[in-house]
Amino acid sequence: MTLRSLITKAVQQEDLNFLITNRIPRRLATQFMGWFSQIEQPFVRDVSIAIWRLFSDLDLREAKKSQFKSLHDCFIRELKDGARPIDPDPGVLVSPCDAIVGACGMIKGTELMQIKGFPYALQDLLGDPDLVDLYRDGRYVTLRLTSSMYHRFHAPGDCHVEQVTYIAGDTWNVNPIALKRIEKLFCKNERAVIQTRLTATGYLISLVPVAAILVASIRLRFLKIQLNLSYRGPNVIPCNASFRRGEEMGWFQHGSTIIVFAPDGFTLCDSVQEGTIIRVGQPLMRLPS
């Protein structure tokens, strides 16, 4: 057994993984990684990317460029034109990101799952009674981005962004190991609620990017500010930005989770099941007929 496989096997042990990723000073580690990843020294960059590739399935063949200024530059890489075909069917929402599908399905009243056996309430996540009423008995999909995935996210349909609500919080890891141990984890972490109204139908679809350890930073193309641990601006940010289906909306500095919410009447596409991999532009939910 190689050294790589031995280390990987050790890190995959649940107790050790949870200890390493959640019992360290999370905020300090996140701020350090934000600084370190942007060092543009070639040796630091090359060694960092090499270590990252050693312990993940990082594949840069789809990246628009082959040379990166820093580890951070590699994290937020753009893809070659056409790398993610966008489903043209106006009757479906498409996935906003590359991800592994987590908990998904119908919201039971105002309760949904972060993982089997661990429920949480819409109010605790969204903090807005009007949105809670809107998504009562609606549909949701949890999309988990791994560290090696493409980290930019895109519009699920032709839409208009009306408002972003920033909610300060912690930086717990959001991997399945932590989700099985920390109740209401998504409701504890740093997050943003992006309210988007579909242009053709008027349905309000919300995207909730949830930050995590090492990734507590969200960039939105339509906001001049960066939403991160040092942000101290207004919680509710009115917006006026329009997007075409599949157009880039923003990115995580490293990667994390996006939860998509739709009102009652929407249905999940057949291919959207817990544990499956989905790509930007692939069908996610079907609009009411």
C-alpha atoms as a PDB file:
ATOM      1  CA  MET A   1       0.000   0.000   0.000  1.00  0.00           C
ATOM      2  CA  THR A   2       1.397   3.395  -0.996  1.00  0.00           C
ATOM      3  CA  LEU A   3       1.970   6.297   1.390  1.00  0.00           C
ATOM      4  CA  ARG A   4      -0.792   8.218  -0.389  1.00  0.00           C
ATOM      5  CA  SER A   5      -3.340   5.441   0.121  1.00  0.00           C
ATOM      6  CA  LEU A   6      -2.346   5.032   3.776  1.00  0.00           C
ATOM      7  CA  ILE A   7      -2.776   8.751   4.508  1.00  0.00           C
ATOM      8  CA  THR A   8      -6.024   8.909   2.520  1.00  0.00           C
ATOM      9  CA  LYS A   9      -7.426   5.908   4.378  1.00  0.00           C
ATOM     10  CA  ALA A  10      -6.508   7.459   7.728  1.00  0.00           C
ATOM     11  CA  VAL A  11      -8.107  10.801   6.891  1.00  0.00           C
ATOM     12  CA  GLN A  12     -11.276   9.039   5.732  1.00  0.00           C
ATOM     13  CA  GLN A  13     -11.784   7.545   9.190  1.00  0.00           C
ATOM     14  CA  GLU A  14     -14.809   9.448  10.498  1.00  0.00           C
ATOM     15  CA  ASP A  15     -13.519  10.282  13.982  1.00  0.00           C
ATOM     16  CA  LEU A  16     -10.158  11.506  12.672  1.00  0.00           C
ATOM     17  CA  ASN A  17     -11.756  13.433   9.810  1.00  0.00           C
ATOM     18  CA  PHE A  18     -14.184  15.172  12.159  1.00  0.00           C
ATOM     19  CA  LEU A  19     -11.391  15.974  14.610  1.00  0.00           C
ATOM     20  CA  ILE A  20      -9.091  17.417  11.938  1.00  0.00           C
ATOM     21  CA  THR A  21     -11.723  19.517  10.170  1.00  0.00           C
ATOM     22  CA  ASN A  22     -13.899  20.694  13.042  1.00  0.00           C
ATOM     23  CA  ARG A  23     -11.915  20.736  16.284  1.00  0.00           C
ATOM     24  CA  ILE A  24      -9.316  23.187  15.068  1.00  0.00           C
ATOM     25  CA  PRO A  25      -9.853  26.977  15.334  1.00  0.00           C
ATOM     26  CA  ARG A  26     -12.196  27.144  12.318  1.00  0.00           C
ATOM     27  CA  ARG A  27     -12.289  30.893  11.830  1.00  0.00           C
ATOM     28  CA  LEU A  28      -8.519  31.245  12.177  1.00  0.00           C
ATOM     29  CA  ALA A  29      -7.906  28.336   9.804  1.00  0.00           C
ATOM     30  CA  THR A  30     -10.306  29.838   7.278  1.00  0.00           C
ATOM     31  CA  GLN A  31      -8.641  33.251   7.405  1.00  0.00           C
ATOM     32  CA  PHE A  32      -5.203  31.655   7.109  1.00  0.00           C
ATOM     33  CA  MET A  33      -6.243  29.612   4.072  1.00  0.00           C
ATOM     34  CA  GLY A  34      -7.715  32.716   2.455  1.00  0.00           C
ATOM     35  CA  TRP A  35      -4.325  34.419   2.807  1.00  0.00           C
ATOM     36  CA  PHE A  36      -2.147  31.427   1.935  1.00  0.00           C
ATOM     37  CA  SER A  37      -4.092  30.400  -1.164  1.00  0.00           C
ATOM     38  CA  GLN A  38      -3.472  33.799  -2.782  1.00  0.00           C
ATOM     39  CA  ILE A  39       0.327  33.713  -2.475  1.00  0.00           C
ATOM     40  CA  GLU A  40       1.658  34.129  -6.017  1.00  0.00           C
ATOM     41  CA  GLN A  41       5.103  32.661  -5.420  1.00  0.00           C
ATOM     42  CA  PRO A  42       5.680  29.911  -8.039  1.00  0.00           C
ATOM     43  CA  PHE A  43       7.162  27.332  -5.645  1.00  0.00           C
ATOM     44  CA  VAL A  44       4.341  27.760  -3.110  1.00  0.00           C
ATOM     45  CA  ARG A  45       1.762  27.611  -5.896  1.00  0.00           C
ATOM     46  CA  ASP A  46       3.202  24.515  -7.551  1.00  0.00           C
ATOM     47  CA  VAL A  47       3.697  22.545  -4.327  1.00  0.00           C
ATOM     48  CA  SER A  48       0.215  23.464  -3.079  1.00  0.00           C
ATOM     49  CA  ILE A  49      -1.473  22.348  -6.297  1.00  0.00           C
ATOM     50  CA  ALA A  50       0.626  19.174  -6.387  1.00  0.00           C
ATOM     51  CA  ILE A  51      -0.438  18.239  -2.841  1.00  0.00           C
ATOM     52  CA  TRP A  52      -4.054  19.046  -3.705  1.00  0.00           C
ATOM     53  CA  ARG A  53      -3.896  16.748  -6.741  1.00  0.00           C
ATOM     54  CA  LEU A  54      -2.245  14.015  -4.702  1.00  0.00           C
ATOM     55  CA  PHE A  55      -5.180  13.690  -2.310  1.00  0.00           C
ATOM     56  CA  SER A  56      -8.100  14.467  -4.627  1.00  0.00           C
ATOM     57  CA  ASP A  57      -9.455  13.788  -8.100  1.00  0.00           C
ATOM     58  CA  LEU A  58      -8.583  17.295  -9.325  1.00  0.00           C
ATOM     59  CA  ASP A  59      -8.870  17.392 -13.117  1.00  0.00           C
ATOM     60  CA  LEU A  60      -7.753  20.585 -14.871  1.00  0.00           C
ATOM     61  CA  ARG A  61      -8.271  19.439 -18.465  1.00  0.00           C
ATOM     62  CA  GLU A  62     -11.497  21.468 -18.751  1.00  0.00           C
ATOM     63  CA  ALA A  63      -9.945  24.644 -17.343  1.00  0.00           C
ATOM     64  CA  LYS A  64      -9.824  27.654 -19.673  1.00  0.00           C
ATOM     65  CA  LYS A  65      -6.150  28.212 -18.880  1.00  0.00           C
ATOM     66  CA  SER A  66      -3.329  25.842 -17.991  1.00  0.00           C
ATOM     67  CA  GLN A  67      -1.200  28.206 -15.880  1.00  0.00           C
ATOM     68  CA  PHE A  68      -2.393  29.727 -12.605  1.00  0.00           C
ATOM     69  CA  LYS A  69      -1.052  32.631 -10.560  1.00  0.00           C
ATOM     70  CA  SER A  70      -1.810  30.976  -7.212  1.00  0.00           C
ATOM     71  CA  LEU A  71      -3.648  28.138  -5.509  1.00  0.00           C
ATOM     72  CA  HIS A  72      -6.658  30.458  -5.238  1.00  0.00           C
ATOM     73  CA  ASP A  73      -6.520  31.197  -8.955  1.00  0.00           C
ATOM     74  CA  CYS A  74      -6.730  27.453  -9.583  1.00  0.00           C
ATOM     75  CA  PHE A  75      -9.627  27.061  -7.119  1.00  0.00           C
ATOM     76  CA  ILE A  76     -11.790  29.626  -8.911  1.00  0.00           C
ATOM     77  CA  ARG A  77     -10.787  28.589 -12.435  1.00  0.00           C
ATOM     78  CA  GLU A  78     -13.112  29.157 -15.369  1.00  0.00           C
ATOM     79  CA  LEU A  79     -13.923  26.367 -17.799  1.00  0.00           C
ATOM     80  CA  LYS A  80     -13.419  26.216 -21.549  1.00  0.00           C
ATOM     81  CA  ASP A  81     -16.312  27.523 -23.636  1.00  0.00           C
ATOM     82  CA  GLY A  82     -18.842  24.743 -24.180  1.00  0.00           C
ATOM     83  CA  ALA A  83     -17.548  22.573 -21.321  1.00  0.00           C
ATOM     84  CA  ARG A  84     -20.982  22.693 -19.664  1.00  0.00           C
ATOM     85  CA  PRO A  85     -23.831  22.508 -22.203  1.00  0.00           C
ATOM     86  CA  ILE A  86     -26.975  24.176 -20.832  1.00  0.00           C
ATOM     87  CA  ASP A  87     -30.251  22.272 -21.214  1.00  0.00           C
ATOM     88  CA  PRO A  88     -32.483  24.540 -23.340  1.00  0.00           C
ATOM     89  CA  ASP A  89     -35.853  23.184 -22.113  1.00  0.00           C
ATOM     90  CA  PRO A  90     -37.730  26.195 -20.640  1.00  0.00           C
ATOM     91  CA  GLY A  91     -39.783  23.791 -18.554  1.00  0.00           C
ATOM     92  CA  VAL A  92     -36.861  22.899 -16.280  1.00  0.00           C
ATOM     93  CA  LEU A  93     -34.492  24.618 -13.895  1.00  0.00           C
ATOM     94  CA  VAL A  94     -30.896  23.599 -14.485  1.00  0.00           C
ATOM     95  CA  SER A  95     -28.253  22.884 -11.892  1.00  0.00           C
ATOM     96  CA  PRO A  96     -26.389  26.052 -10.902  1.00  0.00           C
ATOM     97  CA  CYS A  97     -23.167  24.187 -10.115  1.00  0.00           C
ATOM     98  CA  ASP A  98     -21.191  20.984 -10.358  1.00  0.00           C
ATOM     99  CA  ALA A  99     -22.024  18.986  -7.259  1.00  0.00           C
ATOM    100  CA  ILE A 100     -22.908  15.783  -5.498  1.00  0.00           C
ATOM    101  CA  VAL A 101     -26.637  15.735  -4.753  1.00  0.00           C
ATOM    102  CA  GLY A 102     -27.291  15.576  -1.006  1.00  0.00           C
ATOM    103  CA  ALA A 103     -30.664  15.518   0.711  1.00  0.00           C
ATOM    104  CA  CYS A 104     -33.466  16.527  -1.663  1.00  0.00           C
ATOM    105  CA  GLY A 105     -37.181  16.230  -2.286  1.00  0.00           C
ATOM    106  CA  MET A 106     -40.319  17.671  -0.750  1.00  0.00           C
ATOM    107  CA  ILE A 107     -40.268  20.085   2.182  1.00  0.00           C
ATOM    108  CA  LYS A 108     -42.642  18.634   4.795  1.00  0.00           C
ATOM    109  CA  GLY A 109     -44.450  21.734   5.910  1.00  0.00           C
ATOM    110  CA  THR A 110     -41.450  23.885   6.786  1.00  0.00           C
ATOM    111  CA  GLU A 111     -39.082  21.053   7.710  1.00  0.00           C
ATOM    112  CA  LEU A 112     -36.395  19.494   5.527  1.00  0.00           C
ATOM    113  CA  MET A 113     -33.320  17.315   5.943  1.00  0.00           C
ATOM    114  CA  GLN A 114     -29.612  18.071   5.968  1.00  0.00           C
ATOM    115  CA  ILE A 115     -29.058  14.302   5.993  1.00  0.00           C
ATOM    116  CA  LYS A 116     -31.287  11.357   6.923  1.00  0.00           C
ATOM    117  CA  GLY A 117     -32.441  11.720  10.526  1.00  0.00           C
ATOM    118  CA  PHE A 118     -31.242  15.318  10.907  1.00  0.00           C
ATOM    119  CA  PRO A 119     -34.077  17.768  10.160  1.00  0.00           C
ATOM    120  CA  TYR A 120     -33.940  21.552  10.257  1.00  0.00           C
ATOM    121  CA  ALA A 121     -36.489  24.327   9.801  1.00  0.00           C
ATOM    122  CA  LEU A 122     -36.773  26.767   6.906  1.00  0.00           C
ATOM    123  CA  GLN A 123     -37.001  29.680   9.335  1.00  0.00           C
ATOM    124  CA  ASP A 124     -33.664  28.751  10.923  1.00  0.00           C
ATOM    125  CA  LEU A 125     -31.958  28.711   7.543  1.00  0.00           C
ATOM    126  CA  LEU A 126     -33.640  31.572   5.675  1.00  0.00           C
ATOM    127  CA  GLY A 127     -34.616  33.890   8.536  1.00  0.00           C
ATOM    128  CA  ASP A 128     -37.479  35.349   6.485  1.00  0.00           C
ATOM    129  CA  PRO A 129     -41.116  34.450   7.343  1.00  0.00           C
ATOM    130  CA  ASP A 130     -42.305  35.383   3.835  1.00  0.00           C
ATOM    131  CA  LEU A 131     -39.847  32.964   2.220  1.00  0.00           C
ATOM    132  CA  VAL A 132     -40.791  30.287   4.739  1.00  0.00           C
ATOM    133  CA  ASP A 133     -44.453  30.616   3.685  1.00  0.00           C
ATOM    134  CA  LEU A 134     -43.498  30.625   0.006  1.00  0.00           C
ATOM    135  CA  TYR A 135     -41.530  27.393   0.234  1.00  0.00           C
ATOM    136  CA  ARG A 136     -43.917  25.561   2.578  1.00  0.00           C
ATOM    137  CA  ASP A 137     -44.424  22.078   1.067  1.00  0.00           C
ATOM    138  CA  GLY A 138     -42.104  23.101  -1.761  1.00  0.00           C
ATOM    139  CA  ARG A 139     -39.048  21.358  -3.173  1.00  0.00           C
ATOM    140  CA  TYR A 140     -35.348  21.574  -2.397  1.00  0.00           C
ATOM    141  CA  VAL A 141     -32.036  20.138  -3.535  1.00  0.00           C
ATOM    142  CA  THR A 142     -28.792  20.264  -1.566  1.00  0.00           C
ATOM    143  CA  LEU A 143     -25.780  20.496  -3.883  1.00  0.00           C
ATOM    144  CA  ARG A 144     -22.403  19.756  -2.277  1.00  0.00           C
ATOM    145  CA  LEU A 145     -19.258  20.915  -4.045  1.00  0.00           C
ATOM    146  CA  THR A 146     -16.113  18.955  -3.234  1.00  0.00           C
ATOM    147  CA  SER A 147     -12.754  20.716  -3.087  1.00  0.00           C
ATOM    148  CA  SER A 148     -11.652  19.534  -6.540  1.00  0.00           C
ATOM    149  CA  MET A 149     -14.834  20.534  -8.367  1.00  0.00           C
ATOM    150  CA  TYR A 150     -15.494  23.593 -10.513  1.00  0.00           C
ATOM    151  CA  HIS A 151     -16.465  26.273  -7.967  1.00  0.00           C
ATOM    152  CA  ARG A 152     -18.448  28.812  -9.966  1.00  0.00           C
ATOM    153  CA  PHE A 153     -22.248  28.847  -9.946  1.00  0.00           C
ATOM    154  CA  HIS A 154     -24.717  29.863 -12.621  1.00  0.00           C
ATOM    155  CA  ALA A 155     -28.317  30.969 -13.124  1.00  0.00           C
ATOM    156  CA  PRO A 156     -30.803  28.058 -13.004  1.00  0.00           C
ATOM    157  CA  GLY A 157     -32.990  29.812 -15.598  1.00  0.00           C
ATOM    158  CA  ASP A 158     -33.593  33.205 -17.173  1.00  0.00           C
ATOM    159  CA  CYS A 159     -34.071  35.253 -14.033  1.00  0.00           C
ATOM    160  CA  HIS A 160     -33.788  38.548 -12.203  1.00  0.00           C
ATOM    161  CA  VAL A 161     -31.985  38.783  -8.846  1.00  0.00           C
ATOM    162  CA  GLU A 162     -34.091  40.913  -6.517  1.00  0.00           C
ATOM    163  CA  GLN A 163     -32.311  40.632  -3.187  1.00  0.00           C
ATOM    164  CA  VAL A 164     -29.420  39.043  -1.342  1.00  0.00           C
ATOM    165  CA  THR A 165     -29.612  38.427   2.394  1.00  0.00           C
ATOM    166  CA  TYR A 166     -26.274  37.832   4.107  1.00  0.00           C
ATOM    167  CA  ILE A 167     -26.355  35.816   7.348  1.00  0.00           C
ATOM    168  CA  ALA A 168     -23.185  35.704   9.461  1.00  0.00           C
ATOM    169  CA  GLY A 169     -22.263  32.429  11.127  1.00  0.00           C
ATOM    170  CA  ASP A 170     -19.709  29.745  11.839  1.00  0.00           C
ATOM    171  CA  THR A 171     -17.527  27.752   9.432  1.00  0.00           C
ATOM    172  CA  TRP A 172     -18.232  24.114  10.252  1.00  0.00           C
ATOM    173  CA  ASN A 173     -17.178  21.584   7.634  1.00  0.00           C
ATOM    174  CA  VAL A 174     -20.223  20.579   5.559  1.00  0.00           C
ATOM    175  CA  ASN A 175     -19.049  17.117   4.492  1.00  0.00           C
ATOM    176  CA  PRO A 176     -21.320  14.083   5.206  1.00  0.00           C
ATOM    177  CA  ILE A 177     -19.351  13.210   8.345  1.00  0.00           C
ATOM    178  CA  ALA A 178     -20.100  16.579   9.938  1.00  0.00           C
ATOM    179  CA  LEU A 179     -23.702  16.572   8.664  1.00  0.00           C
ATOM    180  CA  LYS A 180     -24.291  13.335  10.600  1.00  0.00           C
ATOM    181  CA  ARG A 181     -22.942  14.819  13.828  1.00  0.00           C
ATOM    182  CA  ILE A 182     -23.869  18.518  13.967  1.00  0.00           C
ATOM    183  CA  GLU A 183     -27.586  19.278  14.101  1.00  0.00           C
ATOM    184  CA  LYS A 184     -28.849  22.207  12.007  1.00  0.00           C
ATOM    185  CA  LEU A 185     -25.365  22.668  10.586  1.00  0.00           C
ATOM    186  CA  PHE A 186     -26.418  24.707   7.549  1.00  0.00           C
ATOM    187  CA  CYS A 187     -28.307  27.039   9.900  1.00  0.00           C
ATOM    188  CA  LYS A 188     -25.143  27.657  11.927  1.00  0.00           C
ATOM    189  CA  ASN A 189     -22.789  28.512   9.059  1.00  0.00           C
ATOM    190  CA  GLU A 190     -22.092  31.692   7.122  1.00  0.00           C
ATOM    191  CA  ARG A 191     -24.502  31.911   4.170  1.00  0.00           C
ATOM    192  CA  ALA A 192     -26.332  34.107   1.675  1.00  0.00           C
ATOM    193  CA  VAL A 193     -29.925  33.874   0.460  1.00  0.00           C
ATOM    194  CA  ILE A 194     -30.122  34.892  -3.213  1.00  0.00           C
ATOM    195  CA  GLN A 195     -33.702  35.568  -4.333  1.00  0.00           C
ATOM    196  CA  THR A 196     -34.147  35.145  -8.090  1.00  0.00           C
ATOM    197  CA  ARG A 197     -37.424  35.602  -9.991  1.00  0.00           C
ATOM    198  CA  LEU A 198     -37.864  33.606 -13.196  1.00  0.00           C
ATOM    199  CA  THR A 199     -38.410  35.993 -16.097  1.00  0.00           C
ATOM    200  CA  ALA A 200     -41.065  34.024 -17.988  1.00  0.00           C
ATOM    201  CA  THR A 201     -43.192  32.703 -15.125  1.00  0.00           C
ATOM    202  CA  GLY A 202     -42.548  34.954 -12.119  1.00  0.00           C
ATOM    203  CA  TYR A 203     -41.720  32.059  -9.776  1.00  0.00           C
ATOM    204  CA  LEU A 204     -39.301  33.005  -7.002  1.00  0.00           C
ATOM    205  CA  ILE A 205     -36.364  30.594  -6.782  1.00  0.00           C
ATOM    206  CA  SER A 206     -33.844  30.976  -3.965  1.00  0.00           C
ATOM    207  CA  LEU A 207     -30.226  29.848  -3.999  1.00  0.00           C
ATOM    208  CA  VAL A 208     -28.544  29.558  -0.605  1.00  0.00           C
ATOM    209  CA  PRO A 209     -24.737  29.283  -0.847  1.00  0.00           C
ATOM    210  CA  VAL A 210     -23.467  27.990   2.513  1.00  0.00           C
ATOM    211  CA  ALA A 211     -19.842  28.659   3.436  1.00  0.00           C
ATOM    212  CA  ALA A 212     -17.666  26.189   5.343  1.00  0.00           C
ATOM    213  CA  ILE A 213     -14.254  25.836   6.939  1.00  0.00           C
ATOM    214  CA  LEU A 214     -11.583  27.278   4.606  1.00  0.00           C
ATOM    215  CA  VAL A 215     -14.307  28.591   2.244  1.00  0.00           C
ATOM    216  CA  ALA A 216     -16.128  31.382   4.096  1.00  0.00           C
ATOM    217  CA  SER A 217     -16.105  33.736   1.148  1.00  0.00           C
ATOM    218  CA  ILE A 218     -18.712  34.199  -1.593  1.00  0.00           C
ATOM    219  CA  ARG A 219     -18.291  36.448  -4.615  1.00  0.00           C
ATOM    220  CA  LEU A 220     -21.320  37.587  -6.624  1.00  0.00           C
ATOM    221  CA  ARG A 221     -20.751  39.223  -9.997  1.00  0.00           C
ATOM    222  CA  PHE A 222     -23.551  41.724  -9.445  1.00  0.00           C
ATOM    223  CA  LEU A 223     -22.251  42.994  -6.073  1.00  0.00           C
ATOM    224  CA  LYS A 224     -19.097  45.068  -5.648  1.00  0.00           C
ATOM    225  CA  ILE A 225     -18.568  43.699  -2.137  1.00  0.00           C
ATOM    226  CA  GLN A 226     -17.208  40.314  -1.080  1.00  0.00           C
ATOM    227  CA  LEU A 227     -19.289  38.369   1.440  1.00  0.00           C
ATOM    228  CA  ASN A 228     -16.851  36.906   3.939  1.00  0.00           C
ATOM    229  CA  LEU A 229     -15.970  36.727   7.641  1.00  0.00           C
ATOM    230  CA  SER A 230     -14.890  40.369   7.710  1.00  0.00           C
ATOM    231  CA  TYR A 231     -18.032  41.723   6.019  1.00  0.00           C
ATOM    232  CA  ARG A 232     -19.863  44.183   8.269  1.00  0.00           C
ATOM    233  CA  GLY A 233     -22.280  45.787   5.818  1.00  0.00           C
ATOM    234  CA  PRO A 234     -26.079  45.570   5.646  1.00  0.00           C
ATOM    235  CA  ASN A 235     -27.636  42.129   5.959  1.00  0.00           C
ATOM    236  CA  VAL A 236     -30.274  42.788   3.294  1.00  0.00           C
ATOM    237  CA  ILE A 237     -28.907  43.992  -0.046  1.00  0.00           C
ATOM    238  CA  PRO A 238     -31.437  45.049  -2.715  1.00  0.00           C
ATOM    239  CA  CYS A 239     -30.370  43.971  -6.208  1.00  0.00           C
ATOM    240  CA  ASN A 240     -31.257  44.623  -9.807  1.00  0.00           C
ATOM    241  CA  ALA A 241     -29.425  42.110 -11.963  1.00  0.00           C
ATOM    242  CA  SER A 242     -30.685  39.953 -14.825  1.00  0.00           C
ATOM    243  CA  PHE A 243     -29.187  36.653 -15.965  1.00  0.00           C
ATOM    244  CA  ARG A 244     -29.715  34.256 -18.826  1.00  0.00           C
ATOM    245  CA  ARG A 245     -30.020  30.537 -18.140  1.00  0.00           C
ATOM    246  CA  GLY A 246     -26.561  29.181 -17.400  1.00  0.00           C
ATOM    247  CA  GLU A 247     -24.895  32.589 -17.120  1.00  0.00           C
ATOM    248  CA  GLU A 248     -22.309  32.816 -14.348  1.00  0.00           C
ATOM    249  CA  MET A 249     -23.563  34.473 -11.146  1.00  0.00           C
ATOM    250  CA  GLY A 250     -20.569  34.117  -8.839  1.00  0.00           C
ATOM    251  CA  TRP A 251     -18.250  31.694  -7.113  1.00  0.00           C
ATOM    252  CA  PHE A 252     -17.054  30.268  -3.834  1.00  0.00           C
ATOM    253  CA  GLN A 253     -13.461  31.075  -3.058  1.00  0.00           C
ATOM    254  CA  HIS A 254     -12.852  27.329  -2.609  1.00  0.00           C
ATOM    255  CA  GLY A 255     -16.123  25.334  -2.640  1.00  0.00           C
ATOM    256  CA  SER A 256     -18.984  24.388  -0.362  1.00  0.00           C
ATOM    257  CA  THR A 257     -22.764  23.869  -0.676  1.00  0.00           C
ATOM    258  CA  ILE A 258     -25.707  25.458  -2.487  1.00  0.00           C
ATOM    259  CA  ILE A 259     -29.296  24.687  -1.498  1.00  0.00           C
ATOM    260  CA  VAL A 260     -31.921  25.409  -4.170  1.00  0.00           C
ATOM    261  CA  PHE A 261     -35.531  26.155  -3.140  1.00  0.00           C
ATOM    262  CA  ALA A 262     -38.667  26.198  -5.317  1.00  0.00           C
ATOM    263  CA  PRO A 263     -42.360  26.568  -4.418  1.00  0.00           C
ATOM    264  CA  ASP A 264     -44.907  23.757  -4.261  1.00  0.00           C
ATOM    265  CA  GLY A 265     -45.733  22.422  -7.725  1.00  0.00           C
ATOM    266  CA  PHE A 266     -42.138  21.981  -8.859  1.00  0.00           C
ATOM    267  CA  THR A 267     -40.827  18.405  -9.113  1.00  0.00           C
ATOM    268  CA  LEU A 268     -37.320  16.995  -9.094  1.00  0.00           C
ATOM    269  CA  CYS A 269     -36.050  15.608 -12.373  1.00  0.00           C
ATOM    270  CA  ASP A 270     -35.723  11.821 -12.419  1.00  0.00           C
ATOM    271  CA  SER A 271     -31.920  11.902 -12.511  1.00  0.00           C
ATOM    272  CA  VAL A 272     -31.706  14.012  -9.327  1.00  0.00           C
ATOM    273  CA  GLN A 273     -31.196  11.525  -6.518  1.00  0.00           C
ATOM    274  CA  GLU A 274     -29.114  11.560  -3.365  1.00  0.00           C
ATOM    275  CA  GLY A 275     -25.501  10.637  -4.076  1.00  0.00           C
ATOM    276  CA  THR A 276     -25.552  11.316  -7.823  1.00  0.00           C
ATOM    277  CA  ILE A 277     -23.195  13.770  -9.513  1.00  0.00           C
ATOM    278  CA  ILE A 278     -24.726  16.652 -11.431  1.00  0.00           C
ATOM    279  CA  ARG A 279     -23.083  19.278 -13.633  1.00  0.00           C
ATOM    280  CA  VAL A 280     -23.855  22.897 -14.403  1.00  0.00           C
ATOM    281  CA  GLY A 281     -26.685  23.101 -16.934  1.00  0.00           C
ATOM    282  CA  GLN A 282     -28.136  19.640 -16.404  1.00  0.00           C
ATOM    283  CA  PRO A 283     -31.865  19.372 -15.531  1.00  0.00           C
ATOM    284  CA  LEU A 284     -32.557  19.855 -11.831  1.00  0.00           C
ATOM    285  CA  MET A 285     -36.282  20.595 -11.311  1.00  0.00           C
ATOM    286  CA  ARG A 286     -39.316  20.687 -13.569  1.00  0.00           C
ATOM    287  CA  LEU A 287     -41.616  23.696 -13.450  1.00  0.00           C
ATOM    288  CA  PRO A 288     -45.329  23.192 -12.736  1.00  0.00           C
ATOM    289  CA  SER A 289     -47.167  22.187 -15.906  1.00  0.00           C
END
